[in-house]
Each structure stands twice: as C-alpha cells, then as structure tokens.
Amino acid sequence: MQKKTISALTVVLLLLAGCSDGPGKKEVATIYGNSLEKLQALQSIADKELELNLLSIDGLDCKKDGEIYYICTGKANVEIKGSKNQNNNKTLSKEFKMKLKNNNGNWVDANSEWK
C-alpha cells in the first residue's frame, strides 16, 4: 500500500512540475540566436559582412505573464566578427527582454508570426 502511495505521489508531482515550467536557458538561447541570424542576414544585404555569434546568456529570469506568456530577461554575450574591410572582432554584453509563448511544445518569440 505504501509503495502505491509513493508511486502515485511521484507521478502527481512530476505532472505538476511539467505544467508550470517556463522556457529554459536552452530555449531562450535558441530564440535569441535566431534573431541574431535574422539581423546578420539584413546586414549582408547592406553589404556588411559581420558575423554574430551568441556566446552565452547570463542571469536568465523568466516569469509568467498572464495565462500563456513568459517574460524573460537576462544578459546576452555576443561575439561580433569584423567586416569585409576590417578585422575588428569584439564581444558585446547586452541586456535583453523577450516575451515568449509555448506553441505546441515549442517556445517562440511572442512578437514573431506563428500559427
């Protein structure tokens, strides 16, 4: 009887934990990295050959905002590699704030178009 109670309690706790989870560091890094790729594509149109690489995200904090959204803040560390005419590599740390939504099991930028 005690084993069944412990097993049932474990299952309930795991289900509850899955319901309240917001986006993690991996999901936020993926979404932030995708926005860097879009920015890099726009810069290549403007004849600039900058390469942007997300190195890390520090101090990530995601809080529930209403029923379906999360607001995530943190600091992104981005490596910027030169251009066609310059070799001026540097690292930039930039604070960010993103609004995310879970769309069929995938975290997406709430400001982007999705179905």
N, C-alpha and C. Protein backbone atom coordinates (compact mmCIF):
# COMPACT_ATOMS: atom_id res chain seq x y z
N MET A 1 0.82 -1.20 0.00
CA MET A 1 0.00 0.00 0.00
C MET A 1 0.85 1.25 0.00
N GLN A 2 1.95 1.23 0.80
CA GLN A 2 2.82 2.40 0.90
C GLN A 2 3.55 2.66 -0.42
N LYS A 3 3.94 1.59 -1.13
CA LYS A 3 4.61 1.76 -2.42
C LYS A 3 3.68 2.42 -3.43
N LYS A 4 2.40 2.03 -3.44
CA LYS A 4 1.43 2.61 -4.36
C LYS A 4 1.22 4.09 -4.07
N THR A 5 1.19 4.44 -2.79
CA THR A 5 1.02 5.84 -2.40
C THR A 5 2.20 6.67 -2.85
N ILE A 6 3.40 6.16 -2.62
CA ILE A 6 4.62 6.88 -3.02
C ILE A 6 4.68 7.02 -4.54
N SER A 7 4.34 5.94 -5.26
CA SER A 7 4.35 5.99 -6.73
C SER A 7 3.33 7.00 -7.25
N ALA A 8 2.13 6.99 -6.68
CA ALA A 8 1.09 7.93 -7.11
C ALA A 8 1.51 9.37 -6.83
N LEU A 9 2.09 9.60 -5.67
CA LEU A 9 2.54 10.94 -5.30
C LEU A 9 3.65 11.42 -6.24
N THR A 10 4.56 10.52 -6.59
CA THR A 10 5.65 10.87 -7.52
C THR A 10 5.09 11.27 -8.88
N VAL A 11 4.12 10.51 -9.40
CA VAL A 11 3.51 10.82 -10.69
C VAL A 11 2.82 12.18 -10.65
N VAL A 12 2.07 12.44 -9.59
CA VAL A 12 1.37 13.73 -9.46
C VAL A 12 2.37 14.88 -9.43
N LEU A 13 3.45 14.73 -8.66
CA LEU A 13 4.46 15.79 -8.59
C LEU A 13 5.12 16.03 -9.93
N LEU A 14 5.40 14.97 -10.67
CA LEU A 14 6.01 15.14 -12.00
C LEU A 14 5.05 15.83 -12.96
N LEU A 15 3.78 15.49 -12.91
CA LEU A 15 2.80 16.15 -13.78
C LEU A 15 2.66 17.62 -13.43
N LEU A 16 2.62 17.94 -12.16
CA LEU A 16 2.52 19.34 -11.75
C LEU A 16 3.76 20.12 -12.14
N ALA A 17 4.91 19.51 -12.01
CA ALA A 17 6.15 20.19 -12.39
C ALA A 17 6.15 20.51 -13.87
N GLY A 18 5.64 19.61 -14.71
CA GLY A 18 5.61 19.84 -16.15
C GLY A 18 4.65 20.95 -16.54
N CYS A 19 3.63 21.17 -15.75
CA CYS A 19 2.62 22.18 -16.09
C CYS A 19 3.13 23.61 -15.86
N SER A 20 4.02 23.78 -14.91
CA SER A 20 4.41 25.13 -14.53
C SER A 20 5.74 25.57 -15.12
N ASP A 21 6.37 24.72 -15.91
CA ASP A 21 7.69 25.05 -16.44
C ASP A 21 7.62 26.13 -17.50
N GLY A 22 8.44 27.13 -17.33
CA GLY A 22 8.60 28.15 -18.35
C GLY A 22 9.76 27.79 -19.25
N PRO A 23 10.12 28.67 -20.13
CA PRO A 23 11.25 28.40 -21.02
C PRO A 23 12.56 28.34 -20.25
N GLY A 24 13.44 27.47 -20.68
CA GLY A 24 14.74 27.33 -20.05
C GLY A 24 15.82 28.07 -20.84
N LYS A 25 17.03 27.99 -20.33
CA LYS A 25 18.15 28.70 -20.96
C LYS A 25 18.37 28.25 -22.40
N LYS A 26 18.20 26.95 -22.65
CA LYS A 26 18.41 26.42 -24.00
C LYS A 26 17.39 27.01 -24.98
N GLU A 27 16.12 27.06 -24.57
CA GLU A 27 15.08 27.59 -25.45
C GLU A 27 15.28 29.08 -25.71
N VAL A 28 15.62 29.83 -24.67
CA VAL A 28 15.84 31.27 -24.83
C VAL A 28 17.05 31.52 -25.73
N ALA A 29 18.11 30.75 -25.54
CA ALA A 29 19.31 30.90 -26.37
C ALA A 29 19.00 30.61 -27.84
N THR A 30 18.18 29.61 -28.10
CA THR A 30 17.80 29.28 -29.48
C THR A 30 17.04 30.43 -30.12
N ILE A 31 16.06 30.96 -29.39
CA ILE A 31 15.25 32.06 -29.93
C ILE A 31 16.10 33.31 -30.13
N TYR A 32 16.95 33.63 -29.15
CA TYR A 32 17.83 34.81 -29.26
C TYR A 32 18.81 34.61 -30.43
N GLY A 33 19.36 33.41 -30.56
CA GLY A 33 20.27 33.12 -31.67
C GLY A 33 19.60 33.27 -33.02
N ASN A 34 18.34 32.86 -33.11
CA ASN A 34 17.59 33.02 -34.37
C ASN A 34 17.43 34.49 -34.72
N SER A 35 17.21 35.34 -33.71
CA SER A 35 17.08 36.77 -34.00
C SER A 35 18.42 37.35 -34.46
N LEU A 36 19.53 36.83 -33.94
CA LEU A 36 20.85 37.27 -34.42
C LEU A 36 21.06 36.88 -35.87
N GLU A 37 20.60 35.68 -36.24
CA GLU A 37 20.73 35.23 -37.63
C GLU A 37 19.94 36.12 -38.58
N LYS A 38 18.75 36.55 -38.15
CA LYS A 38 17.95 37.45 -38.98
C LYS A 38 18.65 38.79 -39.14
N LEU A 39 19.22 39.30 -38.06
CA LEU A 39 19.96 40.56 -38.10
C LEU A 39 21.17 40.44 -39.02
N GLN A 40 21.87 39.34 -38.92
CA GLN A 40 23.04 39.11 -39.77
C GLN A 40 22.64 39.06 -41.24
N ALA A 41 21.51 38.45 -41.56
CA ALA A 41 21.03 38.40 -42.95
C ALA A 41 20.73 39.80 -43.47
N LEU A 42 20.13 40.63 -42.64
CA LEU A 42 19.85 42.01 -43.05
C LEU A 42 21.14 42.79 -43.29
N GLN A 43 22.14 42.56 -42.46
CA GLN A 43 23.41 43.28 -42.63
C GLN A 43 24.12 42.84 -43.91
N SER A 44 23.97 41.58 -44.28
CA SER A 44 24.61 41.14 -45.52
C SER A 44 23.97 41.81 -46.73
N ILE A 45 22.69 42.11 -46.64
CA ILE A 45 22.02 42.85 -47.72
C ILE A 45 22.60 44.26 -47.81
N ALA A 46 22.97 44.82 -46.66
CA ALA A 46 23.52 46.17 -46.63
C ALA A 46 25.03 46.15 -46.92
N ASP A 47 25.53 45.04 -47.48
CA ASP A 47 26.94 44.91 -47.88
C ASP A 47 27.89 44.98 -46.70
N LYS A 48 27.49 44.45 -45.58
CA LYS A 48 28.39 44.35 -44.42
C LYS A 48 28.53 42.87 -44.11
N GLU A 49 29.72 42.46 -43.89
CA GLU A 49 29.97 41.05 -43.60
C GLU A 49 30.29 40.87 -42.12
N LEU A 50 29.33 41.15 -41.27
CA LEU A 50 29.51 40.92 -39.85
C LEU A 50 29.00 39.53 -39.50
N GLU A 51 29.72 38.86 -38.61
CA GLU A 51 29.28 37.57 -38.13
C GLU A 51 28.94 37.72 -36.64
N LEU A 52 27.71 37.35 -36.28
CA LEU A 52 27.25 37.48 -34.91
C LEU A 52 27.07 36.08 -34.32
N ASN A 53 27.72 35.82 -33.19
CA ASN A 53 27.61 34.53 -32.54
C ASN A 53 27.23 34.71 -31.09
N LEU A 54 26.18 34.05 -30.65
CA LEU A 54 25.78 34.08 -29.25
C LEU A 54 26.72 33.19 -28.47
N LEU A 55 27.46 33.79 -27.53
CA LEU A 55 28.40 33.03 -26.71
C LEU A 55 27.72 32.43 -25.48
N SER A 56 26.90 33.24 -24.80
CA SER A 56 26.23 32.76 -23.60
C SER A 56 25.12 33.71 -23.20
N ILE A 57 24.28 33.22 -22.31
CA ILE A 57 23.25 34.05 -21.68
C ILE A 57 23.44 33.93 -20.18
N ASP A 58 23.55 35.07 -19.52
CA ASP A 58 23.75 35.10 -18.07
C ASP A 58 22.53 35.70 -17.38
N GLY A 59 22.30 35.27 -16.16
CA GLY A 59 21.26 35.86 -15.32
C GLY A 59 19.86 35.72 -15.88
N LEU A 60 19.58 34.60 -16.53
CA LEU A 60 18.26 34.41 -17.12
C LEU A 60 17.19 34.32 -16.04
N ASP A 61 16.12 35.08 -16.23
CA ASP A 61 14.98 35.06 -15.32
C ASP A 61 13.72 35.12 -16.15
N CYS A 62 12.88 34.08 -16.07
CA CYS A 62 11.62 34.03 -16.81
C CYS A 62 10.46 34.00 -15.82
N LYS A 63 9.52 34.90 -16.02
CA LYS A 63 8.36 34.98 -15.14
C LYS A 63 7.08 34.90 -15.97
N LYS A 64 6.11 34.19 -15.42
CA LYS A 64 4.81 34.05 -16.09
C LYS A 64 4.15 35.41 -16.20
N ASP A 65 3.56 35.67 -17.37
CA ASP A 65 2.87 36.92 -17.64
C ASP A 65 1.49 36.58 -18.19
N GLY A 66 0.51 36.50 -17.33
CA GLY A 66 -0.82 36.11 -17.76
C GLY A 66 -0.94 34.60 -17.88
N GLU A 67 -1.84 34.16 -18.71
CA GLU A 67 -2.13 32.73 -18.84
C GLU A 67 -1.13 31.97 -19.69
N ILE A 68 -0.61 32.60 -20.74
CA ILE A 68 0.17 31.83 -21.72
C ILE A 68 1.56 32.39 -22.02
N TYR A 69 1.88 33.55 -21.52
CA TYR A 69 3.15 34.19 -21.87
C TYR A 69 4.15 34.13 -20.71
N TYR A 70 5.42 34.23 -21.08
CA TYR A 70 6.51 34.39 -20.12
C TYR A 70 7.35 35.58 -20.57
N ILE A 71 7.78 36.39 -19.63
CA ILE A 71 8.71 37.48 -19.90
C ILE A 71 10.08 37.02 -19.38
N CYS A 72 11.05 36.98 -20.27
CA CYS A 72 12.40 36.53 -19.91
C CYS A 72 13.38 37.70 -20.05
N THR A 73 14.21 37.87 -19.04
CA THR A 73 15.25 38.89 -19.07
C THR A 73 16.59 38.23 -18.78
N GLY A 74 17.64 38.87 -19.20
CA GLY A 74 18.98 38.37 -18.97
C GLY A 74 20.00 39.22 -19.69
N LYS A 75 21.20 38.71 -19.76
CA LYS A 75 22.28 39.40 -20.47
C LYS A 75 22.88 38.44 -21.49
N ALA A 76 22.86 38.86 -22.75
CA ALA A 76 23.42 38.05 -23.84
C ALA A 76 24.85 38.52 -24.12
N ASN A 77 25.75 37.58 -24.24
CA ASN A 77 27.13 37.87 -24.62
C ASN A 77 27.32 37.42 -26.06
N VAL A 78 27.55 38.41 -26.93
CA VAL A 78 27.60 38.16 -28.38
C VAL A 78 28.98 38.52 -28.91
N GLU A 79 29.53 37.62 -29.72
CA GLU A 79 30.80 37.88 -30.40
C GLU A 79 30.48 38.49 -31.76
N ILE A 80 31.15 39.61 -32.06
CA ILE A 80 30.97 40.28 -33.35
C ILE A 80 32.29 40.19 -34.08
N LYS A 81 32.27 39.56 -35.25
CA LYS A 81 33.50 39.40 -36.03
C LYS A 81 33.46 40.34 -37.21
N GLY A 82 34.51 41.15 -37.34
CA GLY A 82 34.81 42.09 -38.39
C GLY A 82 33.87 42.30 -39.55
N SER A 83 34.35 42.92 -40.59
CA SER A 83 33.60 43.14 -41.81
C SER A 83 34.53 42.88 -42.99
N LYS A 84 34.08 43.16 -44.17
CA LYS A 84 34.91 42.93 -45.35
C LYS A 84 36.25 43.67 -45.26
N ASN A 85 36.18 44.90 -44.78
CA ASN A 85 37.36 45.76 -44.80
C ASN A 85 38.08 45.87 -43.46
N GLN A 86 37.51 45.31 -42.41
CA GLN A 86 38.12 45.46 -41.09
C GLN A 86 38.15 44.13 -40.37
N ASN A 87 39.07 44.02 -39.44
CA ASN A 87 39.14 42.87 -38.57
C ASN A 87 38.99 43.38 -37.14
N ASN A 88 37.82 43.85 -36.81
CA ASN A 88 37.60 44.47 -35.51
C ASN A 88 36.70 43.60 -34.63
N ASN A 89 37.15 42.38 -34.35
CA ASN A 89 36.38 41.45 -33.54
C ASN A 89 36.24 41.97 -32.12
N LYS A 90 35.03 41.79 -31.55
CA LYS A 90 34.83 42.18 -30.16
C LYS A 90 33.66 41.40 -29.58
N THR A 91 33.54 41.47 -28.26
CA THR A 91 32.43 40.83 -27.57
C THR A 91 31.57 41.91 -26.94
N LEU A 92 30.28 41.77 -27.12
CA LEU A 92 29.32 42.74 -26.61
C LEU A 92 28.39 42.05 -25.62
N SER A 93 28.18 42.66 -24.46
CA SER A 93 27.20 42.16 -23.49
C SER A 93 26.01 43.09 -23.52
N LYS A 94 24.84 42.54 -23.76
CA LYS A 94 23.63 43.34 -23.93
C LYS A 94 22.48 42.73 -23.12
N GLU A 95 21.85 43.57 -22.28
CA GLU A 95 20.68 43.11 -21.55
C GLU A 95 19.51 43.01 -22.52
N PHE A 96 18.65 42.02 -22.31
CA PHE A 96 17.51 41.83 -23.19
C PHE A 96 16.26 41.50 -22.38
N LYS A 97 15.14 41.68 -23.05
CA LYS A 97 13.83 41.33 -22.51
C LYS A 97 13.02 40.76 -23.65
N MET A 98 12.51 39.53 -23.48
CA MET A 98 11.76 38.86 -24.53
C MET A 98 10.44 38.35 -23.97
N LYS A 99 9.41 38.39 -24.79
CA LYS A 99 8.12 37.82 -24.43
C LYS A 99 7.97 36.53 -25.24
N LEU A 100 7.82 35.41 -24.53
CA LEU A 100 7.76 34.11 -25.19
C LEU A 100 6.42 33.43 -24.93
N LYS A 101 6.08 32.53 -25.85
CA LYS A 101 4.84 31.76 -25.74
C LYS A 101 5.13 30.33 -26.17
N ASN A 102 4.50 29.39 -25.49
CA ASN A 102 4.65 27.99 -25.87
C ASN A 102 3.63 27.69 -26.96
N ASN A 103 4.12 27.25 -28.11
CA ASN A 103 3.28 26.93 -29.26
C ASN A 103 3.46 25.46 -29.59
N ASN A 104 2.51 24.63 -29.16
CA ASN A 104 2.55 23.19 -29.41
C ASN A 104 3.86 22.55 -28.96
N GLY A 105 4.31 22.90 -27.77
CA GLY A 105 5.52 22.31 -27.20
C GLY A 105 6.81 23.01 -27.58
N ASN A 106 6.74 24.04 -28.41
CA ASN A 106 7.94 24.79 -28.80
C ASN A 106 7.81 26.24 -28.33
N TRP A 107 8.86 26.75 -27.73
CA TRP A 107 8.85 28.14 -27.29
C TRP A 107 9.15 29.04 -28.48
N VAL A 108 8.34 30.09 -28.65
CA VAL A 108 8.51 31.03 -29.76
C VAL A 108 8.48 32.45 -29.22
N ASP A 109 9.07 33.36 -29.98
CA ASP A 109 9.01 34.78 -29.67
C ASP A 109 7.57 35.22 -29.88
N ALA A 110 6.95 35.75 -28.85
CA ALA A 110 5.53 36.13 -28.93
C ALA A 110 5.30 37.26 -29.93
N ASN A 111 6.35 37.98 -30.31
CA ASN A 111 6.22 39.07 -31.27
C ASN A 111 6.41 38.62 -32.71
N SER A 112 6.81 37.36 -32.89
CA SER A 112 7.00 36.86 -34.26
C SER A 112 5.70 36.26 -34.75
N GLU A 113 5.64 36.03 -36.04
CA GLU A 113 4.45 35.41 -36.61
C GLU A 113 4.56 33.90 -36.44
N TRP A 114 3.52 33.30 -35.94
CA TRP A 114 3.48 31.85 -35.79
C TRP A 114 2.03 31.41 -35.86
N LYS A 115 1.86 30.13 -36.15
CA LYS A 115 0.49 29.57 -36.24
C LYS A 115 0.38 28.38 -35.32
